[in-house]
Full PDB file with SEQRES, HELIX, SHEET, SSBOND, CRYST1, ORIGX, SCALE, CONECT and MASTER records, all heavy atoms in Angstrom:
SEQRES   1 A   38  THR PHE SER SER GLU LEU LEU ALA LEU GLY VAL ILE ASN          
SEQRES   2 A   38  GLY MET ASP LEU SER ARG LEU GLU ALA GLN VAL LEU GLY          
SEQRES   3 A   38  ILE PRO PHE VAL ASP LEU THR HIS GLU LYS ILE ASP              
HELIX    1 AA1 PHE A    2  LEU A    9  1                                   8    
HELIX    2 AA2 GLY A   14  LEU A   25  1                                  12    
CRYST1    1.000    1.000    1.000  90.00  90.00  90.00 P 1           1          
ORIGX1      1.000000  0.000000  0.000000        0.00000                         
ORIGX2      0.000000  1.000000  0.000000        0.00000                         
ORIGX3      0.000000  0.000000  1.000000        0.00000                         
SCALE1      1.000000  0.000000  0.000000        0.00000                         
SCALE2      0.000000  1.000000  0.000000        0.00000                         
SCALE3      0.000000  0.000000  1.000000        0.00000                         
ATOM      1  N   THR A   1     -50.498  40.421  29.408  1.00  0.00           N  
ATOM      2  CA  THR A   1     -51.349  41.001  30.436  1.00  0.00           C  
ATOM      3  C   THR A   1     -52.126  39.907  31.166  1.00  0.00           C  
ATOM      4  O   THR A   1     -52.378  38.829  30.612  1.00  0.00           O  
ATOM      5  CB  THR A   1     -52.356  42.012  29.842  1.00  0.00           C  
ATOM      6  OG1 THR A   1     -53.239  41.321  28.976  1.00  0.00           O  
ATOM      7  CG2 THR A   1     -51.639  43.145  29.122  1.00  0.00           C  
ATOM      8  N   PHE A   2     -52.496  40.228  32.369  1.00  0.00           N  
ATOM      9  CA  PHE A   2     -53.332  39.348  33.184  1.00  0.00           C  
ATOM     10  C   PHE A   2     -54.638  39.051  32.441  1.00  0.00           C  
ATOM     11  O   PHE A   2     -55.077  37.900  32.373  1.00  0.00           O  
ATOM     12  CB  PHE A   2     -53.580  40.029  34.533  1.00  0.00           C  
ATOM     13  CG  PHE A   2     -54.577  39.358  35.411  1.00  0.00           C  
ATOM     14  CD1 PHE A   2     -54.307  38.132  35.981  1.00  0.00           C  
ATOM     15  CD2 PHE A   2     -55.790  39.965  35.686  1.00  0.00           C  
ATOM     16  CE1 PHE A   2     -55.228  37.513  36.814  1.00  0.00           C  
ATOM     17  CE2 PHE A   2     -56.714  39.364  36.522  1.00  0.00           C  
ATOM     18  CZ  PHE A   2     -56.430  38.129  37.081  1.00  0.00           C  
ATOM     19  N   SER A   3     -55.232  40.082  31.860  1.00  0.00           N  
ATOM     20  CA  SER A   3     -56.506  39.927  31.136  1.00  0.00           C  
ATOM     21  C   SER A   3     -56.376  38.954  29.978  1.00  0.00           C  
ATOM     22  O   SER A   3     -57.236  38.087  29.786  1.00  0.00           O  
ATOM     23  CB  SER A   3     -56.983  41.277  30.600  1.00  0.00           C  
ATOM     24  OG  SER A   3     -57.199  42.178  31.646  1.00  0.00           O  
ATOM     25  N   SER A   4     -55.323  39.091  29.198  1.00  0.00           N  
ATOM     26  CA  SER A   4     -55.162  38.208  28.040  1.00  0.00           C  
ATOM     27  C   SER A   4     -54.950  36.760  28.469  1.00  0.00           C  
ATOM     28  O   SER A   4     -55.412  35.829  27.795  1.00  0.00           O  
ATOM     29  CB  SER A   4     -54.018  38.683  27.143  1.00  0.00           C  
ATOM     30  OG  SER A   4     -52.784  38.582  27.801  1.00  0.00           O  
ATOM     31  N   GLU A   5     -54.305  36.563  29.600  1.00  0.00           N  
ATOM     32  CA  GLU A   5     -54.101  35.197  30.098  1.00  0.00           C  
ATOM     33  C   GLU A   5     -55.405  34.586  30.606  1.00  0.00           C  
ATOM     34  O   GLU A   5     -55.645  33.399  30.426  1.00  0.00           O  
ATOM     35  CB  GLU A   5     -53.023  35.158  31.177  1.00  0.00           C  
ATOM     36  CG  GLU A   5     -51.632  35.404  30.658  1.00  0.00           C  
ATOM     37  CD  GLU A   5     -51.148  34.380  29.646  1.00  0.00           C  
ATOM     38  OE1 GLU A   5     -51.591  33.203  29.683  1.00  0.00           O  
ATOM     39  OE2 GLU A   5     -50.315  34.750  28.800  1.00  0.00           O  
ATOM     40  N   LEU A   6     -56.247  35.400  31.245  1.00  0.00           N  
ATOM     41  CA  LEU A   6     -57.554  34.894  31.674  1.00  0.00           C  
ATOM     42  C   LEU A   6     -58.353  34.409  30.472  1.00  0.00           C  
ATOM     43  O   LEU A   6     -58.981  33.343  30.505  1.00  0.00           O  
ATOM     44  CB  LEU A   6     -58.351  35.983  32.401  1.00  0.00           C  
ATOM     45  CG  LEU A   6     -57.906  36.354  33.802  1.00  0.00           C  
ATOM     46  CD1 LEU A   6     -58.699  37.556  34.297  1.00  0.00           C  
ATOM     47  CD2 LEU A   6     -58.077  35.179  34.754  1.00  0.00           C  
ATOM     48  N   LEU A   7     -58.334  35.196  29.398  1.00  0.00           N  
ATOM     49  CA  LEU A   7     -59.057  34.824  28.183  1.00  0.00           C  
ATOM     50  C   LEU A   7     -58.437  33.585  27.538  1.00  0.00           C  
ATOM     51  O   LEU A   7     -59.156  32.691  27.084  1.00  0.00           O  
ATOM     52  CB  LEU A   7     -59.081  35.993  27.197  1.00  0.00           C  
ATOM     53  CG  LEU A   7     -59.922  37.193  27.620  1.00  0.00           C  
ATOM     54  CD1 LEU A   7     -59.697  38.361  26.668  1.00  0.00           C  
ATOM     55  CD2 LEU A   7     -61.398  36.830  27.695  1.00  0.00           C  
ATOM     56  N   ALA A   8     -57.101  33.529  27.504  1.00  0.00           N  
ATOM     57  CA  ALA A   8     -56.413  32.384  26.901  1.00  0.00           C  
ATOM     58  C   ALA A   8     -56.713  31.088  27.652  1.00  0.00           C  
ATOM     59  O   ALA A   8     -56.846  30.027  27.039  1.00  0.00           O  
ATOM     60  CB  ALA A   8     -54.913  32.639  26.855  1.00  0.00           C  
ATOM     61  N   LEU A   9     -56.846  31.195  28.962  1.00  0.00           N  
ATOM     62  CA  LEU A   9     -57.176  30.021  29.776  1.00  0.00           C  
ATOM     63  C   LEU A   9     -58.638  29.623  29.634  1.00  0.00           C  
ATOM     64  O   LEU A   9     -59.024  28.514  30.005  1.00  0.00           O  
ATOM     65  CB  LEU A   9     -56.862  30.290  31.252  1.00  0.00           C  
ATOM     66  CG  LEU A   9     -55.396  30.387  31.631  1.00  0.00           C  
ATOM     67  CD1 LEU A   9     -55.247  30.928  33.053  1.00  0.00           C  
ATOM     68  CD2 LEU A   9     -54.726  29.027  31.501  1.00  0.00           C  
ATOM     69  N   GLY A  10     -59.460  30.539  29.135  1.00  0.00           N  
ATOM     70  CA  GLY A  10     -60.887  30.258  28.958  1.00  0.00           C  
ATOM     71  C   GLY A  10     -61.666  30.256  30.259  1.00  0.00           C  
ATOM     72  O   GLY A  10     -62.720  29.634  30.350  1.00  0.00           O  
ATOM     73  N   VAL A  11     -61.153  30.960  31.276  1.00  0.00           N  
ATOM     74  CA  VAL A  11     -61.814  30.952  32.584  1.00  0.00           C  
ATOM     75  C   VAL A  11     -62.803  32.105  32.756  1.00  0.00           C  
ATOM     76  O   VAL A  11     -63.519  32.161  33.755  1.00  0.00           O  
ATOM     77  CB  VAL A  11     -60.783  30.951  33.742  1.00  0.00           C  
ATOM     78  CG1 VAL A  11     -59.960  29.673  33.700  1.00  0.00           C  
ATOM     79  CG2 VAL A  11     -59.887  32.169  33.688  1.00  0.00           C  
ATOM     80  N   ILE A  12     -62.836  33.013  31.782  1.00  0.00           N  
ATOM     81  CA  ILE A  12     -63.791  34.121  31.801  1.00  0.00           C  
ATOM     82  C   ILE A  12     -64.070  34.489  30.344  1.00  0.00           C  
ATOM     83  O   ILE A  12     -63.198  34.339  29.490  1.00  0.00           O  
ATOM     84  CB  ILE A  12     -63.237  35.331  32.592  1.00  0.00           C  
ATOM     85  CG1 ILE A  12     -64.334  36.356  32.884  1.00  0.00           C  
ATOM     86  CG2 ILE A  12     -62.051  35.960  31.909  1.00  0.00           C  
ATOM     87  CD1 ILE A  12     -63.929  37.430  33.879  1.00  0.00           C  
ATOM     88  N   ASN A  13     -65.290  34.936  30.075  1.00  0.00           N  
ATOM     89  CA  ASN A  13     -65.579  35.321  28.693  1.00  0.00           C  
ATOM     90  C   ASN A  13     -65.280  36.803  28.490  1.00  0.00           C  
ATOM     91  O   ASN A  13     -65.163  37.569  29.450  1.00  0.00           O  
ATOM     92  CB  ASN A  13     -67.011  34.954  28.286  1.00  0.00           C  
ATOM     93  CG  ASN A  13     -68.062  35.753  29.011  1.00  0.00           C  
ATOM     94  OD1 ASN A  13     -68.002  36.974  29.074  1.00  0.00           O  
ATOM     95  ND2 ASN A  13     -69.057  35.064  29.553  1.00  0.00           N  
ATOM     96  N   GLY A  14     -65.125  37.188  27.254  1.00  0.00           N  
ATOM     97  CA  GLY A  14     -64.744  38.553  26.907  1.00  0.00           C  
ATOM     98  C   GLY A  14     -65.715  39.605  27.396  1.00  0.00           C  
ATOM     99  O   GLY A  14     -65.307  40.691  27.816  1.00  0.00           O  
ATOM    100  N   MET A  15     -67.010  39.306  27.358  1.00  0.00           N  
ATOM    101  CA  MET A  15     -68.023  40.271  27.785  1.00  0.00           C  
ATOM    102  C   MET A  15     -67.912  40.541  29.284  1.00  0.00           C  
ATOM    103  O   MET A  15     -67.931  41.695  29.710  1.00  0.00           O  
ATOM    104  CB  MET A  15     -69.419  39.754  27.442  1.00  0.00           C  
ATOM    105  CG  MET A  15     -70.508  40.762  27.655  1.00  0.00           C  
ATOM    106  SD  MET A  15     -70.490  42.116  26.469  1.00  0.00           S  
ATOM    107  CE  MET A  15     -71.028  41.283  25.003  1.00  0.00           C  
ATOM    108  N   ASP A  16     -67.790  39.487  30.079  1.00  0.00           N  
ATOM    109  CA  ASP A  16     -67.650  39.668  31.529  1.00  0.00           C  
ATOM    110  C   ASP A  16     -66.371  40.423  31.865  1.00  0.00           C  
ATOM    111  O   ASP A  16     -66.366  41.309  32.725  1.00  0.00           O  
ATOM    112  CB  ASP A  16     -67.663  38.323  32.262  1.00  0.00           C  
ATOM    113  CG  ASP A  16     -69.034  37.673  32.292  1.00  0.00           C  
ATOM    114  OD1 ASP A  16     -70.044  38.389  32.148  1.00  0.00           O  
ATOM    115  OD2 ASP A  16     -69.095  36.441  32.464  1.00  0.00           O  
ATOM    116  N   LEU A  17     -65.293  40.080  31.180  1.00  0.00           N  
ATOM    117  CA  LEU A  17     -64.023  40.758  31.424  1.00  0.00           C  
ATOM    118  C   LEU A  17     -64.121  42.236  31.055  1.00  0.00           C  
ATOM    119  O   LEU A  17     -63.656  43.097  31.804  1.00  0.00           O  
ATOM    120  CB  LEU A  17     -62.893  40.085  30.649  1.00  0.00           C  
ATOM    121  CG  LEU A  17     -61.498  40.665  30.852  1.00  0.00           C  
ATOM    122  CD1 LEU A  17     -61.088  40.599  32.322  1.00  0.00           C  
ATOM    123  CD2 LEU A  17     -60.493  39.933  29.989  1.00  0.00           C  
ATOM    124  N   SER A  18     -64.754  42.534  29.945  1.00  0.00           N  
ATOM    125  CA  SER A  18     -64.926  43.933  29.527  1.00  0.00           C  
ATOM    126  C   SER A  18     -65.750  44.723  30.540  1.00  0.00           C  
ATOM    127  O   SER A  18     -65.441  45.880  30.831  1.00  0.00           O  
ATOM    128  CB  SER A  18     -65.596  44.007  28.158  1.00  0.00           C  
ATOM    129  OG  SER A  18     -64.753  43.470  27.175  1.00  0.00           O  
ATOM    130  N   ARG A  19     -66.787  44.104  31.073  1.00  0.00           N  
ATOM    131  CA  ARG A  19     -67.607  44.767  32.100  1.00  0.00           C  
ATOM    132  C   ARG A  19     -66.767  45.104  33.337  1.00  0.00           C  
ATOM    133  O   ARG A  19     -66.859  46.199  33.887  1.00  0.00           O  
ATOM    134  CB  ARG A  19     -68.777  43.881  32.507  1.00  0.00           C  
ATOM    135  CG  ARG A  19     -69.917  43.896  31.564  1.00  0.00           C  
ATOM    136  CD  ARG A  19     -71.130  43.179  32.175  1.00  0.00           C  
ATOM    137  NE  ARG A  19     -72.258  43.313  31.291  1.00  0.00           N  
ATOM    138  CZ  ARG A  19     -72.664  42.385  30.437  1.00  0.00           C  
ATOM    139  NH1 ARG A  19     -72.028  41.235  30.376  1.00  0.00           N  
ATOM    140  NH2 ARG A  19     -73.694  42.593  29.653  1.00  0.00           N  
ATOM    141  N   LEU A  20     -65.960  44.145  33.775  1.00  0.00           N  
ATOM    142  CA  LEU A  20     -65.122  44.359  34.953  1.00  0.00           C  
ATOM    143  C   LEU A  20     -64.045  45.405  34.685  1.00  0.00           C  
ATOM    144  O   LEU A  20     -63.757  46.247  35.544  1.00  0.00           O  
ATOM    145  CB  LEU A  20     -64.498  43.040  35.407  1.00  0.00           C  
ATOM    146  CG  LEU A  20     -65.480  42.008  35.963  1.00  0.00           C  
ATOM    147  CD1 LEU A  20     -64.812  40.657  36.121  1.00  0.00           C  
ATOM    148  CD2 LEU A  20     -66.073  42.472  37.277  1.00  0.00           C  
ATOM    149  N   GLU A  21     -63.454  45.381  33.494  1.00  0.00           N  
ATOM    150  CA  GLU A  21     -62.444  46.382  33.147  1.00  0.00           C  
ATOM    151  C   GLU A  21     -63.053  47.778  33.128  1.00  0.00           C  
ATOM    152  O   GLU A  21     -62.444  48.736  33.622  1.00  0.00           O  
ATOM    153  CB  GLU A  21     -61.818  46.055  31.792  1.00  0.00           C  
ATOM    154  CG  GLU A  21     -60.896  44.862  31.837  1.00  0.00           C  
ATOM    155  CD  GLU A  21     -60.369  44.444  30.476  1.00  0.00           C  
ATOM    156  OE1 GLU A  21     -60.991  44.770  29.443  1.00  0.00           O  
ATOM    157  OE2 GLU A  21     -59.325  43.782  30.444  1.00  0.00           O  
ATOM    158  N   ALA A  22     -64.257  47.898  32.592  1.00  0.00           N  
ATOM    159  CA  ALA A  22     -64.936  49.198  32.572  1.00  0.00           C  
ATOM    160  C   ALA A  22     -65.186  49.687  33.995  1.00  0.00           C  
ATOM    161  O   ALA A  22     -65.014  50.874  34.297  1.00  0.00           O  
ATOM    162  CB  ALA A  22     -66.250  49.096  31.800  1.00  0.00           C  
ATOM    163  N   GLN A  23     -65.571  48.778  34.867  1.00  0.00           N  
ATOM    164  CA  GLN A  23     -65.811  49.143  36.263  1.00  0.00           C  
ATOM    165  C   GLN A  23     -64.523  49.649  36.914  1.00  0.00           C  
ATOM    166  O   GLN A  23     -64.541  50.655  37.627  1.00  0.00           O  
ATOM    167  CB  GLN A  23     -66.367  47.947  37.030  1.00  0.00           C  
ATOM    168  CG  GLN A  23     -66.853  48.290  38.405  1.00  0.00           C  
ATOM    169  CD  GLN A  23     -67.569  47.125  39.059  1.00  0.00           C  
ATOM    170  OE1 GLN A  23     -67.935  46.144  38.423  1.00  0.00           O  
ATOM    171  NE2 GLN A  23     -67.775  47.219  40.355  1.00  0.00           N  
ATOM    172  N   VAL A  24     -63.411  48.966  36.670  1.00  0.00           N  
ATOM    173  CA  VAL A  24     -62.123  49.390  37.230  1.00  0.00           C  
ATOM    174  C   VAL A  24     -61.737  50.772  36.700  1.00  0.00           C  
ATOM    175  O   VAL A  24     -61.229  51.618  37.437  1.00  0.00           O  
ATOM    176  CB  VAL A  24     -61.015  48.356  36.914  1.00  0.00           C  
ATOM    177  CG1 VAL A  24     -59.639  48.905  37.239  1.00  0.00           C  
ATOM    178  CG2 VAL A  24     -61.260  47.073  37.686  1.00  0.00           C  
ATOM    179  N   LEU A  25     -61.993  51.002  35.413  1.00  0.00           N  
ATOM    180  CA  LEU A  25     -61.645  52.283  34.794  1.00  0.00           C  
ATOM    181  C   LEU A  25     -62.630  53.400  35.136  1.00  0.00           C  
ATOM    182  O   LEU A  25     -62.361  54.564  34.870  1.00  0.00           O  
ATOM    183  CB  LEU A  25     -61.566  52.120  33.268  1.00  0.00           C  
ATOM    184  CG  LEU A  25     -60.410  51.261  32.769  1.00  0.00           C  
ATOM    185  CD1 LEU A  25     -60.581  50.958  31.290  1.00  0.00           C  
ATOM    186  CD2 LEU A  25     -59.076  51.944  33.029  1.00  0.00           C  
ATOM    187  N   GLY A  26     -63.769  53.036  35.713  1.00  0.00           N  
ATOM    188  CA  GLY A  26     -64.761  54.032  36.087  1.00  0.00           C  
ATOM    189  C   GLY A  26     -65.525  54.589  34.897  1.00  0.00           C  
ATOM    190  O   GLY A  26     -65.949  55.742  34.912  1.00  0.00           O  
ATOM    191  N   ILE A  27     -65.686  53.755  33.868  1.00  0.00           N  
ATOM    192  CA  ILE A  27     -66.437  54.186  32.694  1.00  0.00           C  
ATOM    193  C   ILE A  27     -67.635  53.262  32.504  1.00  0.00           C  
ATOM    194  O   ILE A  27     -67.598  52.096  32.901  1.00  0.00           O  
ATOM    195  CB  ILE A  27     -65.559  54.196  31.421  1.00  0.00           C  
ATOM    196  CG1 ILE A  27     -64.956  52.814  31.163  1.00  0.00           C  
ATOM    197  CG2 ILE A  27     -64.471  55.244  31.521  1.00  0.00           C  
ATOM    198  CD1 ILE A  27     -64.169  52.698  29.868  1.00  0.00           C  
ATOM    199  N   PRO A  28     -68.706  53.764  31.903  1.00  0.00           N  
ATOM    200  CA  PRO A  28     -69.865  52.904  31.699  1.00  0.00           C  
ATOM    201  C   PRO A  28     -69.588  51.845  30.634  1.00  0.00           C  
ATOM    202  O   PRO A  28     -68.859  52.091  29.679  1.00  0.00           O  
ATOM    203  CB  PRO A  28     -70.962  53.862  31.238  1.00  0.00           C  
ATOM    204  CG  PRO A  28     -70.267  55.088  30.799  1.00  0.00           C  
ATOM    205  CD  PRO A  28     -68.937  55.137  31.471  1.00  0.00           C  
ATOM    206  N   PHE A  29     -70.150  50.684  30.826  1.00  0.00           N  
ATOM    207  CA  PHE A  29     -70.051  49.611  29.848  1.00  0.00           C  
ATOM    208  C   PHE A  29     -71.320  49.616  29.021  1.00  0.00           C  
ATOM    209  O   PHE A  29     -72.423  49.614  29.559  1.00  0.00           O  
ATOM    210  CB  PHE A  29     -69.887  48.255  30.534  1.00  0.00           C  
ATOM    211  CG  PHE A  29     -69.869  47.110  29.569  1.00  0.00           C  
ATOM    212  CD1 PHE A  29     -68.708  46.788  28.899  1.00  0.00           C  
ATOM    213  CD2 PHE A  29     -71.013  46.373  29.317  1.00  0.00           C  
ATOM    214  CE1 PHE A  29     -68.680  45.748  27.991  1.00  0.00           C  
ATOM    215  CE2 PHE A  29     -70.995  45.335  28.415  1.00  0.00           C  
ATOM    216  CZ  PHE A  29     -69.829  45.017  27.753  1.00  0.00           C  
ATOM    217  N   VAL A  30     -71.165  49.610  27.711  1.00  0.00           N  
ATOM    218  CA  VAL A  30     -72.318  49.603  26.811  1.00  0.00           C  
ATOM    219  C   VAL A  30     -72.171  48.425  25.864  1.00  0.00           C  
ATOM    220  O   VAL A  30     -71.173  48.306  25.162  1.00  0.00           O  
ATOM    221  CB  VAL A  30     -72.401  50.918  26.002  1.00  0.00           C  
ATOM    222  CG1 VAL A  30     -73.585  50.892  25.060  1.00  0.00           C  
ATOM    223  CG2 VAL A  30     -72.478  52.114  26.934  1.00  0.00           C  
ATOM    224  N   ASP A  31     -73.156  47.560  25.862  1.00  0.00           N  
ATOM    225  CA  ASP A  31     -73.169  46.408  24.977  1.00  0.00           C  
ATOM    226  C   ASP A  31     -73.933  46.772  23.710  1.00  0.00           C  
ATOM    227  O   ASP A  31     -75.139  47.000  23.740  1.00  0.00           O  
ATOM    228  CB  ASP A  31     -73.846  45.233  25.682  1.00  0.00           C  
ATOM    229  CG  ASP A  31     -73.915  43.982  24.836  1.00  0.00           C  
ATOM    230  OD1 ASP A  31     -73.352  43.968  23.718  1.00  0.00           O  
ATOM    231  OD2 ASP A  31     -74.540  43.008  25.290  1.00  0.00           O  
ATOM    232  N   LEU A  32     -73.227  46.841  22.600  1.00  0.00           N  
ATOM    233  CA  LEU A  32     -73.839  47.224  21.332  1.00  0.00           C  
ATOM    234  C   LEU A  32     -74.095  46.028  20.418  1.00  0.00           C  
ATOM    235  O   LEU A  32     -74.435  46.217  19.254  1.00  0.00           O  
ATOM    236  CB  LEU A  32     -72.945  48.237  20.598  1.00  0.00           C  
ATOM    237  CG  LEU A  32     -72.718  49.565  21.305  1.00  0.00           C  
ATOM    238  CD1 LEU A  32     -71.729  50.424  20.518  1.00  0.00           C  
ATOM    239  CD2 LEU A  32     -74.025  50.302  21.504  1.00  0.00           C  
ATOM    240  N   THR A  33     -73.956  44.829  20.939  1.00  0.00           N  
ATOM    241  CA  THR A  33     -74.081  43.651  20.089  1.00  0.00           C  
ATOM    242  C   THR A  33     -75.473  43.505  19.476  1.00  0.00           C  
ATOM    243  O   THR A  33     -75.600  42.908  18.415  1.00  0.00           O  
ATOM    244  CB  THR A  33     -73.730  42.360  20.849  1.00  0.00           C  
ATOM    245  OG1 THR A  33     -74.535  42.264  22.020  1.00  0.00           O  
ATOM    246  CG2 THR A  33     -72.264  42.330  21.219  1.00  0.00           C  
ATOM    247  N   HIS A  34     -76.482  44.037  20.122  1.00  0.00           N  
ATOM    248  CA  HIS A  34     -77.844  43.905  19.594  1.00  0.00           C  
ATOM    249  C   HIS A  34     -78.376  45.219  19.029  1.00  0.00           C  
ATOM    250  O   HIS A  34     -79.573  45.353  18.797  1.00  0.00           O  
ATOM    251  CB  HIS A  34     -78.786  43.388  20.684  1.00  0.00           C  
ATOM    252  CG  HIS A  34     -78.365  42.057  21.230  1.00  0.00           C  
ATOM    253  ND1 HIS A  34     -78.387  40.894  20.493  1.00  0.00           N  
ATOM    254  CD2 HIS A  34     -77.863  41.702  22.433  1.00  0.00           C  
ATOM    255  CE1 HIS A  34     -77.944  39.891  21.219  1.00  0.00           C  
ATOM    256  NE2 HIS A  34     -77.612  40.360  22.409  1.00  0.00           N  
ATOM    257  N   GLU A  35     -77.503  46.164  18.810  1.00  0.00           N  
ATOM    258  CA  GLU A  35     -77.899  47.468  18.279  1.00  0.00           C  
ATOM    259  C   GLU A  35     -77.525  47.569  16.808  1.00  0.00           C  
ATOM    260  O   GLU A  35     -76.472  47.105  16.394  1.00  0.00           O  
ATOM    261  CB  GLU A  35     -77.214  48.594  19.051  1.00  0.00           C  
ATOM    262  CG  GLU A  35     -77.534  48.640  20.526  1.00  0.00           C  
ATOM    263  CD  GLU A  35     -78.998  48.886  20.820  1.00  0.00           C  
ATOM    264  OE1 GLU A  35     -79.615  49.705  20.105  1.00  0.00           O  
ATOM    265  OE2 GLU A  35     -79.513  48.264  21.757  1.00  0.00           O  
ATOM    266  N   LYS A  36     -78.399  48.187  16.042  1.00  0.00           N  
ATOM    267  CA  LYS A  36     -78.099  48.440  14.635  1.00  0.00           C  
ATOM    268  C   LYS A  36     -77.531  49.857  14.551  1.00  0.00           C  
ATOM    269  O   LYS A  36     -78.182  50.820  14.936  1.00  0.00           O  
ATOM    270  CB  LYS A  36     -79.358  48.313  13.788  1.00  0.00           C  
ATOM    271  CG  LYS A  36     -79.077  48.519  12.328  1.00  0.00           C  
ATOM    272  CD  LYS A  36     -80.287  48.200  11.484  1.00  0.00           C  
ATOM    273  CE  LYS A  36     -80.011  48.609  10.079  1.00  0.00           C  
ATOM    274  NZ  LYS A  36     -79.803  47.542   9.171  1.00  0.00           N  
ATOM    275  N   ILE A  37     -76.324  49.955  14.034  1.00  0.00           N  
ATOM    276  CA  ILE A  37     -75.644  51.243  13.937  1.00  0.00           C  
ATOM    277  C   ILE A  37     -75.704  51.693  12.481  1.00  0.00           C  
ATOM    278  O   ILE A  37     -75.333  50.954  11.570  1.00  0.00           O  
ATOM    279  CB  ILE A  37     -74.199  51.151  14.434  1.00  0.00           C  
ATOM    280  CG1 ILE A  37     -74.191  50.682  15.893  1.00  0.00           C  
ATOM    281  CG2 ILE A  37     -73.473  52.489  14.292  1.00  0.00           C  
ATOM    282  CD1 ILE A  37     -72.834  50.361  16.449  1.00  0.00           C  
ATOM    283  N   ASP A  38     -76.181  52.915  12.288  1.00  0.00           N  
ATOM    284  CA  ASP A  38     -76.320  53.464  10.949  1.00  0.00           C  
ATOM    285  C   ASP A  38     -74.990  53.479  10.213  1.00  0.00           C  
ATOM    286  O   ASP A  38     -73.960  53.832  10.778  1.00  0.00           O  
ATOM    287  CB  ASP A  38     -76.884  54.890  11.052  1.00  0.00           C  
ATOM    288  CG  ASP A  38     -77.253  55.450   9.695  1.00  0.00           C  
ATOM    289  OD1 ASP A  38     -76.366  56.020   9.039  1.00  0.00           O  
ATOM    290  OD2 ASP A  38     -78.432  55.289   9.300  1.00  0.00           O  
TER     291      ASP A  38                                                      
MASTER        0    0    0    2    0    0    0    6  290    1    0    3          
END                                                                             
């Protein structure tokens, strides 16, 4: 995939790519990295 190649090249980070993919899909992006999940 185009996305996997961007990541492999190191030209974009995973978080930015995920945000853009969510925007294309029309779904909200939620960053849970700083959330404690029960």
